[in-house]
Amino acid sequence: RVRNPILPGFNPDPSILRVGDDYYIATSTFEWFPGVQIHHSKD
């Protein structure tokens, strides 16, 4: 059992993707540069 959130703090509008065994989530960054955060997970 895992407690939400999985990306704490400012990480809105998640877009999730799996390629093979790799998961990726892209989130909005609004006026903060560089643009778009992409996180990676195996599980």
All heavy atoms as atom14 arrays in JSON, in Angstrom:
{
  "sequence": "RVRNPILPGFNPDPSILRVGDDYYIATSTFEWFPGVQIHHSKD",
  "atom14_mask": [
    [1, 1, 1, 1, 1, 1, 1, 1, 1, 1, 1, 0, 0, 0],
    [1, 1, 1, 1, 1, 1, 1, 0, 0, 0, 0, 0, 0, 0],
    [1, 1, 1, 1, 1, 1, 1, 1, 1, 1, 1, 0, 0, 0],
    [1, 1, 1, 1, 1, 1, 1, 1, 0, 0, 0, 0, 0, 0],
    [1, 1, 1, 1, 1, 1, 1, 0, 0, 0, 0, 0, 0, 0],
    [1, 1, 1, 1, 1, 1, 1, 1, 0, 0, 0, 0, 0, 0],
    [1, 1, 1, 1, 1, 1, 1, 1, 0, 0, 0, 0, 0, 0],
    [1, 1, 1, 1, 1, 1, 1, 0, 0, 0, 0, 0, 0, 0],
    [1, 1, 1, 1, 0, 0, 0, 0, 0, 0, 0, 0, 0, 0],
    [1, 1, 1, 1, 1, 1, 1, 1, 1, 1, 1, 0, 0, 0],
    [1, 1, 1, 1, 1, 1, 1, 1, 0, 0, 0, 0, 0, 0],
    [1, 1, 1, 1, 1, 1, 1, 0, 0, 0, 0, 0, 0, 0],
    [1, 1, 1, 1, 1, 1, 1, 1, 0, 0, 0, 0, 0, 0],
    [1, 1, 1, 1, 1, 1, 1, 0, 0, 0, 0, 0, 0, 0],
    [1, 1, 1, 1, 1, 1, 0, 0, 0, 0, 0, 0, 0, 0],
    [1, 1, 1, 1, 1, 1, 1, 1, 0, 0, 0, 0, 0, 0],
    [1, 1, 1, 1, 1, 1, 1, 1, 0, 0, 0, 0, 0, 0],
    [1, 1, 1, 1, 1, 1, 1, 1, 1, 1, 1, 0, 0, 0],
    [1, 1, 1, 1, 1, 1, 1, 0, 0, 0, 0, 0, 0, 0],
    [1, 1, 1, 1, 0, 0, 0, 0, 0, 0, 0, 0, 0, 0],
    [1, 1, 1, 1, 1, 1, 1, 1, 0, 0, 0, 0, 0, 0],
    [1, 1, 1, 1, 1, 1, 1, 1, 0, 0, 0, 0, 0, 0],
    [1, 1, 1, 1, 1, 1, 1, 1, 1, 1, 1, 1, 0, 0],
    [1, 1, 1, 1, 1, 1, 1, 1, 1, 1, 1, 1, 0, 0],
    [1, 1, 1, 1, 1, 1, 1, 1, 0, 0, 0, 0, 0, 0],
    [1, 1, 1, 1, 1, 0, 0, 0, 0, 0, 0, 0, 0, 0],
    [1, 1, 1, 1, 1, 1, 1, 0, 0, 0, 0, 0, 0, 0],
    [1, 1, 1, 1, 1, 1, 0, 0, 0, 0, 0, 0, 0, 0],
    [1, 1, 1, 1, 1, 1, 1, 0, 0, 0, 0, 0, 0, 0],
    [1, 1, 1, 1, 1, 1, 1, 1, 1, 1, 1, 0, 0, 0],
    [1, 1, 1, 1, 1, 1, 1, 1, 1, 0, 0, 0, 0, 0],
    [1, 1, 1, 1, 1, 1, 1, 1, 1, 1, 1, 1, 1, 1],
    [1, 1, 1, 1, 1, 1, 1, 1, 1, 1, 1, 0, 0, 0],
    [1, 1, 1, 1, 1, 1, 1, 0, 0, 0, 0, 0, 0, 0],
    [1, 1, 1, 1, 0, 0, 0, 0, 0, 0, 0, 0, 0, 0],
    [1, 1, 1, 1, 1, 1, 1, 0, 0, 0, 0, 0, 0, 0],
    [1, 1, 1, 1, 1, 1, 1, 1, 1, 0, 0, 0, 0, 0],
    [1, 1, 1, 1, 1, 1, 1, 1, 0, 0, 0, 0, 0, 0],
    [1, 1, 1, 1, 1, 1, 1, 1, 1, 1, 0, 0, 0, 0],
    [1, 1, 1, 1, 1, 1, 1, 1, 1, 1, 0, 0, 0, 0],
    [1, 1, 1, 1, 1, 1, 0, 0, 0, 0, 0, 0, 0, 0],
    [1, 1, 1, 1, 1, 1, 1, 1, 1, 0, 0, 0, 0, 0],
    [1, 1, 1, 1, 1, 1, 1, 1, 0, 0, 0, 0, 0, 0]
  ],
  "atom14_positions": [
    [[0.85, -1.18, 0.0], [0.0, 0.0, 0.0], [0.89, 1.23, 0.0], [1.8, 1.38, 0.83], [-0.92, 0.02, 1.21], [-1.87, -1.16, 1.3], [-3.04, -0.83, 2.2], [-4.0, 0.02, 1.51], [-4.91, 0.77, 2.14], [-4.95, 0.79, 3.46], [-5.77, 1.49, 1.46], [0.0, 0.0, 0.0], [0.0, 0.0, 0.0], [0.0, 0.0, 0.0]],
    [[0.63, 2.14, -0.93], [1.43, 3.35, -1.09], [0.52, 4.55, -0.91], [-0.62, 4.56, -1.38], [2.11, 3.38, -2.48], [2.8, 4.72, -2.71], [3.11, 2.24, -2.6], [0.0, 0.0, 0.0], [0.0, 0.0, 0.0], [0.0, 0.0, 0.0], [0.0, 0.0, 0.0], [0.0, 0.0, 0.0], [0.0, 0.0, 0.0], [0.0, 0.0, 0.0]],
    [[1.02, 5.57, -0.22], [0.22, 6.75, 0.05], [0.42, 7.8, -1.04], [1.54, 8.1, -1.45], [0.62, 7.34, 1.41], [-0.13, 8.61, 1.8], [0.24, 9.07, 3.2], [1.66, 9.1, 3.42], [2.46, 10.09, 3.0], [1.97, 11.08, 2.32], [3.75, 10.06, 3.28], [0.0, 0.0, 0.0], [0.0, 0.0, 0.0], [0.0, 0.0, 0.0]],
    [[-0.67, 8.36, -1.51], [-0.62, 9.48, -2.44], [-0.21, 10.76, -1.72], [-0.42, 10.88, -0.52], [-2.01, 9.67, -3.07], [-2.23, 8.8, -4.29], [-1.36, 8.74, -5.17], [-3.37, 8.12, -4.35], [0.0, 0.0, 0.0], [0.0, 0.0, 0.0], [0.0, 0.0, 0.0], [0.0, 0.0, 0.0], [0.0, 0.0, 0.0], [0.0, 0.0, 0.0]],
    [[0.38, 11.71, -2.47], [0.66, 11.7, -3.9], [1.95, 10.97, -4.24], [2.82, 10.82, -3.38], [0.78, 13.18, -4.24], [1.35, 13.78, -2.98], [0.72, 13.02, -1.84], [0.0, 0.0, 0.0], [0.0, 0.0, 0.0], [0.0, 0.0, 0.0], [0.0, 0.0, 0.0], [0.0, 0.0, 0.0], [0.0, 0.0, 0.0], [0.0, 0.0, 0.0]],
    [[2.09, 10.55, -5.5], [3.34, 9.92, -5.93], [4.35, 10.97, -6.41], [5.55, 10.71, -6.38], [3.11, 8.87, -7.03], [2.3, 9.45, -8.19], [2.42, 7.63, -6.45], [2.19, 8.52, -9.39], [0.0, 0.0, 0.0], [0.0, 0.0, 0.0], [0.0, 0.0, 0.0], [0.0, 0.0, 0.0], [0.0, 0.0, 0.0], [0.0, 0.0, 0.0]],
    [[3.88, 12.13, -6.82], [4.76, 13.27, -7.11], [4.28, 14.44, -6.25], [3.4, 15.2, -6.65], [4.71, 13.65, -8.59], [5.18, 12.62, -9.61], [5.09, 13.17, -11.03], [6.6, 12.16, -9.32], [0.0, 0.0, 0.0], [0.0, 0.0, 0.0], [0.0, 0.0, 0.0], [0.0, 0.0, 0.0], [0.0, 0.0, 0.0], [0.0, 0.0, 0.0]],
    [[4.84, 14.6, -5.04], [4.37, 15.65, -4.14], [4.82, 17.03, -4.57], [5.82, 17.19, -5.28], [5.0, 15.24, -2.8], [6.25, 14.51, -3.19], [5.92, 13.78, -4.45], [0.0, 0.0, 0.0], [0.0, 0.0, 0.0], [0.0, 0.0, 0.0], [0.0, 0.0, 0.0], [0.0, 0.0, 0.0], [0.0, 0.0, 0.0], [0.0, 0.0, 0.0]],
    [[4.09, 18.04, -4.11], [4.41, 19.4, -4.49], [3.89, 19.71, -5.88], [3.18, 18.92, -6.5], [0.0, 0.0, 0.0], [0.0, 0.0, 0.0], [0.0, 0.0, 0.0], [0.0, 0.0, 0.0], [0.0, 0.0, 0.0], [0.0, 0.0, 0.0], [0.0, 0.0, 0.0], [0.0, 0.0, 0.0], [0.0, 0.0, 0.0], [0.0, 0.0, 0.0]],
    [[4.27, 20.85, -6.38], [3.78, 21.37, -7.67], [4.15, 20.43, -8.82], [5.23, 20.49, -9.39], [4.38, 22.78, -7.84], [4.32, 23.35, -9.23], [3.2, 23.23, -10.01], [5.41, 24.05, -9.71], [3.16, 23.79, -11.29], [5.39, 24.61, -10.98], [4.26, 24.48, -11.77], [0.0, 0.0, 0.0], [0.0, 0.0, 0.0], [0.0, 0.0, 0.0]],
    [[3.2, 19.53, -9.16], [3.34, 18.61, -10.29], [1.94, 18.3, -10.85], [1.43, 17.2, -10.69], [4.02, 17.3, -9.85], [5.53, 17.4, -9.84], [6.17, 17.47, -10.9], [6.1, 17.42, -8.66], [0.0, 0.0, 0.0], [0.0, 0.0, 0.0], [0.0, 0.0, 0.0], [0.0, 0.0, 0.0], [0.0, 0.0, 0.0], [0.0, 0.0, 0.0]],
    [[1.32, 19.28, -11.53], [-0.05, 19.08, -11.99], [-0.14, 18.54, -13.42], [0.86, 18.44, -14.13], [-0.61, 20.5, -11.94], [0.57, 21.36, -12.28], [1.79, 20.65, -11.71], [0.0, 0.0, 0.0], [0.0, 0.0, 0.0], [0.0, 0.0, 0.0], [0.0, 0.0, 0.0], [0.0, 0.0, 0.0], [0.0, 0.0, 0.0], [0.0, 0.0, 0.0]],
    [[-1.36, 18.2, -13.81], [-1.7, 17.8, -15.19], [-0.88, 16.61, -15.68], [-0.28, 16.66, -16.75], [-1.5, 18.98, -16.15], [-2.17, 20.26, -15.68], [-3.26, 20.16, -15.1], [-1.6, 21.34, -15.88], [0.0, 0.0, 0.0], [0.0, 0.0, 0.0], [0.0, 0.0, 0.0], [0.0, 0.0, 0.0], [0.0, 0.0, 0.0], [0.0, 0.0, 0.0]],
    [[-0.86, 15.51, -14.94], [0.04, 14.41, -15.32], [-0.38, 13.71, -16.61], [-1.55, 13.42, -16.84], [-0.07, 13.45, -14.12], [-1.44, 13.71, -13.56], [-1.64, 15.2, -13.72], [0.0, 0.0, 0.0], [0.0, 0.0, 0.0], [0.0, 0.0, 0.0], [0.0, 0.0, 0.0], [0.0, 0.0, 0.0], [0.0, 0.0, 0.0], [0.0, 0.0, 0.0]],
    [[0.62, 13.45, -17.44], [0.46, 12.61, -18.63], [1.38, 11.42, -18.46], [2.6, 11.58, -18.33], [0.84, 13.4, -19.89], [0.9, 12.56, -21.03], [0.0, 0.0, 0.0], [0.0, 0.0, 0.0], [0.0, 0.0, 0.0], [0.0, 0.0, 0.0], [0.0, 0.0, 0.0], [0.0, 0.0, 0.0], [0.0, 0.0, 0.0], [0.0, 0.0, 0.0]],
    [[0.82, 10.21, -18.41], [1.61, 9.02, -18.1], [1.78, 8.15, -19.34], [0.91, 8.09, -20.22], [0.97, 8.21, -16.95], [1.96, 7.14, -16.43], [-0.36, 7.61, -17.35], [1.55, 6.52, -15.11], [0.0, 0.0, 0.0], [0.0, 0.0, 0.0], [0.0, 0.0, 0.0], [0.0, 0.0, 0.0], [0.0, 0.0, 0.0], [0.0, 0.0, 0.0]],
    [[2.91, 7.45, -19.39], [3.29, 6.64, -20.54], [4.13, 5.47, -20.07], [4.95, 5.61, -19.16], [4.11, 7.5, -21.52], [4.86, 6.81, -22.64], [3.9, 6.23, -23.66], [5.82, 7.8, -23.31], [0.0, 0.0, 0.0], [0.0, 0.0, 0.0], [0.0, 0.0, 0.0], [0.0, 0.0, 0.0], [0.0, 0.0, 0.0], [0.0, 0.0, 0.0]],
    [[3.91, 4.29, -20.68], [4.81, 3.15, -20.47], [5.46, 2.76, -21.77], [4.78, 2.61, -22.8], [4.06, 1.95, -19.88], [4.98, 0.73, -19.66], [4.24, -0.44, -19.0], [3.18, -0.98, -19.83], [3.36, -1.91, -20.78], [4.58, -2.37, -21.05], [2.33, -2.36, -21.47], [0.0, 0.0, 0.0], [0.0, 0.0, 0.0], [0.0, 0.0, 0.0]],
    [[6.79, 2.61, -21.74], [7.54, 2.09, -22.87], [8.34, 0.9, -22.36], [9.31, 1.08, -21.61], [8.48, 3.15, -23.48], [9.24, 2.58, -24.67], [7.69, 4.38, -23.91], [0.0, 0.0, 0.0], [0.0, 0.0, 0.0], [0.0, 0.0, 0.0], [0.0, 0.0, 0.0], [0.0, 0.0, 0.0], [0.0, 0.0, 0.0], [0.0, 0.0, 0.0]],
    [[7.91, -0.32, -22.71], [8.54, -1.5, -22.15], [8.28, -1.59, -20.67], [7.13, -1.6, -20.22], [0.0, 0.0, 0.0], [0.0, 0.0, 0.0], [0.0, 0.0, 0.0], [0.0, 0.0, 0.0], [0.0, 0.0, 0.0], [0.0, 0.0, 0.0], [0.0, 0.0, 0.0], [0.0, 0.0, 0.0], [0.0, 0.0, 0.0], [0.0, 0.0, 0.0]],
    [[9.35, -1.63, -19.87], [9.23, -1.69, -18.42], [9.39, -0.32, -17.77], [9.48, -0.22, -16.54], [10.27, -2.65, -17.84], [10.03, -4.08, -18.27], [8.85, -4.45, -18.45], [11.02, -4.84, -18.43], [0.0, 0.0, 0.0], [0.0, 0.0, 0.0], [0.0, 0.0, 0.0], [0.0, 0.0, 0.0], [0.0, 0.0, 0.0], [0.0, 0.0, 0.0]],
    [[9.45, 0.7, -18.57], [9.7, 2.05, -18.05], [8.43, 2.89, -18.1], [7.75, 2.95, -19.14], [10.79, 2.75, -18.87], [12.13, 2.06, -18.76], [12.71, 2.09, -17.66], [12.59, 1.48, -19.77], [0.0, 0.0, 0.0], [0.0, 0.0, 0.0], [0.0, 0.0, 0.0], [0.0, 0.0, 0.0], [0.0, 0.0, 0.0], [0.0, 0.0, 0.0]],
    [[8.13, 3.56, -16.99], [7.01, 4.48, -16.92], [7.54, 5.92, -16.88], [8.58, 6.2, -16.27], [6.19, 4.23, -15.66], [5.54, 2.87, -15.58], [6.17, 1.82, -14.91], [4.3, 2.63, -16.15], [5.58, 0.57, -14.83], [3.68, 1.38, -16.07], [4.34, 0.36, -15.41], [3.76, -0.89, -15.33], [0.0, 0.0, 0.0], [0.0, 0.0, 0.0]],
    [[6.8, 6.81, -17.52], [7.16, 8.23, -17.52], [5.91, 9.06, -17.23], [4.81, 8.73, -17.69], [7.74, 8.65, -18.87], [8.97, 7.87, -19.29], [8.86, 6.79, -20.16], [10.22, 8.2, -18.8], [9.97, 6.07, -20.54], [11.35, 7.49, -19.18], [11.21, 6.41, -20.04], [12.33, 5.69, -20.41], [0.0, 0.0, 0.0], [0.0, 0.0, 0.0]],
    [[6.09, 10.13, -16.47], [5.02, 11.1, -16.24], [5.55, 12.48, -16.58], [6.6, 12.9, -16.08], [4.54, 11.09, -14.78], [3.77, 9.79, -14.46], [3.62, 12.29, -14.51], [3.28, 9.71, -13.03], [0.0, 0.0, 0.0], [0.0, 0.0, 0.0], [0.0, 0.0, 0.0], [0.0, 0.0, 0.0], [0.0, 0.0, 0.0], [0.0, 0.0, 0.0]],
    [[4.82, 13.19, -17.44], [5.12, 14.59, -17.75], [4.12, 15.47, -17.03], [2.91, 15.18, -17.01], [5.06, 14.82, -19.25], [0.0, 0.0, 0.0], [0.0, 0.0, 0.0], [0.0, 0.0, 0.0], [0.0, 0.0, 0.0], [0.0, 0.0, 0.0], [0.0, 0.0, 0.0], [0.0, 0.0, 0.0], [0.0, 0.0, 0.0], [0.0, 0.0, 0.0]],
    [[4.59, 16.57, -16.43], [3.71, 17.49, -15.72], [3.98, 18.93, -16.14], [5.04, 19.26, -16.66], [3.88, 17.36, -14.19], [5.26, 17.54, -13.84], [3.4, 16.01, -13.7], [0.0, 0.0, 0.0], [0.0, 0.0, 0.0], [0.0, 0.0, 0.0], [0.0, 0.0, 0.0], [0.0, 0.0, 0.0], [0.0, 0.0, 0.0], [0.0, 0.0, 0.0]],
    [[3.0, 19.78, -15.87], [3.07, 21.19, -16.26], [4.09, 21.94, -15.4], [4.26, 21.66, -14.21], [1.71, 21.85, -16.1], [0.74, 21.26, -16.93], [0.0, 0.0, 0.0], [0.0, 0.0, 0.0], [0.0, 0.0, 0.0], [0.0, 0.0, 0.0], [0.0, 0.0, 0.0], [0.0, 0.0, 0.0], [0.0, 0.0, 0.0], [0.0, 0.0, 0.0]],
    [[4.71, 22.95, -16.02], [5.65, 23.81, -15.28], [5.26, 25.28, -15.33], [5.89, 26.11, -14.68], [7.07, 23.65, -15.84], [7.03, 23.64, -17.27], [7.71, 22.36, -15.35], [0.0, 0.0, 0.0], [0.0, 0.0, 0.0], [0.0, 0.0, 0.0], [0.0, 0.0, 0.0], [0.0, 0.0, 0.0], [0.0, 0.0, 0.0], [0.0, 0.0, 0.0]],
    [[4.27, 25.67, -16.14], [3.78, 27.03, -16.23], [4.94, 28.0, -16.49], [5.7, 27.78, -17.43], [2.95, 27.38, -15.01], [1.68, 26.55, -14.97], [1.66, 25.3, -14.36], [0.54, 27.0, -15.59], [0.51, 24.51, -14.37], [-0.62, 26.22, -15.6], [-0.62, 24.97, -15.0], [0.0, 0.0, 0.0], [0.0, 0.0, 0.0], [0.0, 0.0, 0.0]],
    [[5.14, 29.04, -15.67], [6.15, 30.05, -16.0], [7.56, 29.67, -15.58], [8.5, 30.45, -15.78], [5.77, 31.41, -15.38], [5.81, 31.45, -13.86], [4.44, 31.23, -13.23], [3.66, 30.44, -13.8], [4.16, 31.83, -12.18], [0.0, 0.0, 0.0], [0.0, 0.0, 0.0], [0.0, 0.0, 0.0], [0.0, 0.0, 0.0], [0.0, 0.0, 0.0]],
    [[7.74, 28.5, -15.01], [9.06, 28.08, -14.55], [9.86, 27.41, -15.69], [9.33, 26.6, -16.42], [8.94, 27.14, -13.35], [8.43, 27.87, -12.14], [7.14, 28.03, -11.75], [9.23, 28.57, -11.17], [7.06, 28.78, -10.6], [8.34, 29.12, -10.22], [10.59, 28.77, -11.01], [8.78, 29.88, -9.14], [11.03, 29.52, -9.92], [10.13, 30.05, -9.0]],
    [[11.11, 27.77, -15.79], [12.01, 27.3, -16.85], [13.11, 26.43, -16.24], [13.57, 26.72, -15.13], [12.65, 28.53, -17.54], [13.18, 28.26, -18.92], [12.42, 28.55, -20.05], [14.44, 27.71, -19.09], [12.91, 28.3, -21.31], [14.94, 27.46, -20.35], [14.18, 27.75, -21.47], [0.0, 0.0, 0.0], [0.0, 0.0, 0.0], [0.0, 0.0, 0.0]],
    [[13.56, 25.38, -16.96], [13.11, 24.84, -18.24], [11.71, 24.24, -18.16], [11.19, 23.97, -17.07], [14.14, 23.74, -18.54], [15.33, 24.05, -17.7], [14.76, 24.66, -16.45], [0.0, 0.0, 0.0], [0.0, 0.0, 0.0], [0.0, 0.0, 0.0], [0.0, 0.0, 0.0], [0.0, 0.0, 0.0], [0.0, 0.0, 0.0], [0.0, 0.0, 0.0]],
    [[11.1, 24.03, -19.31], [9.71, 23.66, -19.37], [9.46, 22.16, -19.36], [10.19, 21.4, -19.99], [0.0, 0.0, 0.0], [0.0, 0.0, 0.0], [0.0, 0.0, 0.0], [0.0, 0.0, 0.0], [0.0, 0.0, 0.0], [0.0, 0.0, 0.0], [0.0, 0.0, 0.0], [0.0, 0.0, 0.0], [0.0, 0.0, 0.0], [0.0, 0.0, 0.0]],
    [[8.41, 21.74, -18.67], [7.91, 20.37, -18.52], [8.83, 19.54, -17.64], [10.05, 19.46, -17.88], [7.7, 19.66, -19.88], [7.17, 18.24, -19.66], [6.75, 20.44, -20.78], [0.0, 0.0, 0.0], [0.0, 0.0, 0.0], [0.0, 0.0, 0.0], [0.0, 0.0, 0.0], [0.0, 0.0, 0.0], [0.0, 0.0, 0.0], [0.0, 0.0, 0.0]],
    [[8.27, 18.92, -16.64], [9.01, 17.95, -15.83], [8.65, 16.54, -16.29], [7.47, 16.23, -16.45], [8.66, 18.08, -14.34], [9.07, 19.4, -13.73], [9.52, 19.26, -12.29], [10.65, 19.62, -11.96], [8.69, 18.72, -11.44], [0.0, 0.0, 0.0], [0.0, 0.0, 0.0], [0.0, 0.0, 0.0], [0.0, 0.0, 0.0], [0.0, 0.0, 0.0]],
    [[9.66, 15.69, -16.5], [9.41, 14.3, -16.83], [10.08, 13.42, -15.78], [11.31, 13.47, -15.6], [9.91, 13.93, -18.24], [9.18, 14.77, -19.29], [9.69, 12.44, -18.51], [9.61, 14.49, -20.72], [0.0, 0.0, 0.0], [0.0, 0.0, 0.0], [0.0, 0.0, 0.0], [0.0, 0.0, 0.0], [0.0, 0.0, 0.0], [0.0, 0.0, 0.0]],
    [[9.26, 12.64, -15.08], [9.75, 11.7, -14.07], [9.71, 10.28, -14.64], [8.9, 9.97, -15.51], [8.9, 11.76, -12.81], [9.14, 12.97, -11.95], [8.6, 14.2, -12.22], [9.87, 13.12, -10.81], [8.98, 15.06, -11.3], [9.74, 14.43, -10.42], [0.0, 0.0, 0.0], [0.0, 0.0, 0.0], [0.0, 0.0, 0.0], [0.0, 0.0, 0.0]],
    [[10.58, 9.43, -14.09], [10.69, 8.04, -14.55], [10.5, 7.09, -13.36], [10.88, 7.4, -12.22], [12.06, 7.8, -15.18], [12.37, 6.35, -15.41], [13.19, 5.62, -14.57], [11.96, 5.5, -16.38], [13.27, 4.38, -15.03], [12.54, 4.28, -16.12], [0.0, 0.0, 0.0], [0.0, 0.0, 0.0], [0.0, 0.0, 0.0], [0.0, 0.0, 0.0]],
    [[9.91, 5.94, -13.64], [9.74, 4.9, -12.62], [9.77, 3.53, -13.27], [9.43, 3.37, -14.45], [8.4, 5.1, -11.9], [8.17, 4.07, -10.94], [0.0, 0.0, 0.0], [0.0, 0.0, 0.0], [0.0, 0.0, 0.0], [0.0, 0.0, 0.0], [0.0, 0.0, 0.0], [0.0, 0.0, 0.0], [0.0, 0.0, 0.0], [0.0, 0.0, 0.0]],
    [[10.15, 2.55, -12.47], [10.07, 1.15, -12.89], [8.89, 0.43, -12.24], [8.54, -0.68, -12.65], [11.37, 0.42, -12.51], [12.57, 0.74, -13.4], [12.47, 0.06, -14.76], [13.76, 0.18, -15.55], [13.65, -0.49, -16.88], [0.0, 0.0, 0.0], [0.0, 0.0, 0.0], [0.0, 0.0, 0.0], [0.0, 0.0, 0.0], [0.0, 0.0, 0.0]],
    [[8.27, 1.08, -11.22], [7.29, 0.34, -10.42], [6.04, 1.16, -10.06], [5.22, 0.7, -9.26], [7.95, -0.17, -9.15], [8.62, 0.94, -8.34], [8.23, 2.12, -8.5], [9.53, 0.63, -7.55], [0.0, 0.0, 0.0], [0.0, 0.0, 0.0], [0.0, 0.0, 0.0], [0.0, 0.0, 0.0], [0.0, 0.0, 0.0], [0.0, 0.0, 0.0]]
  ]
}
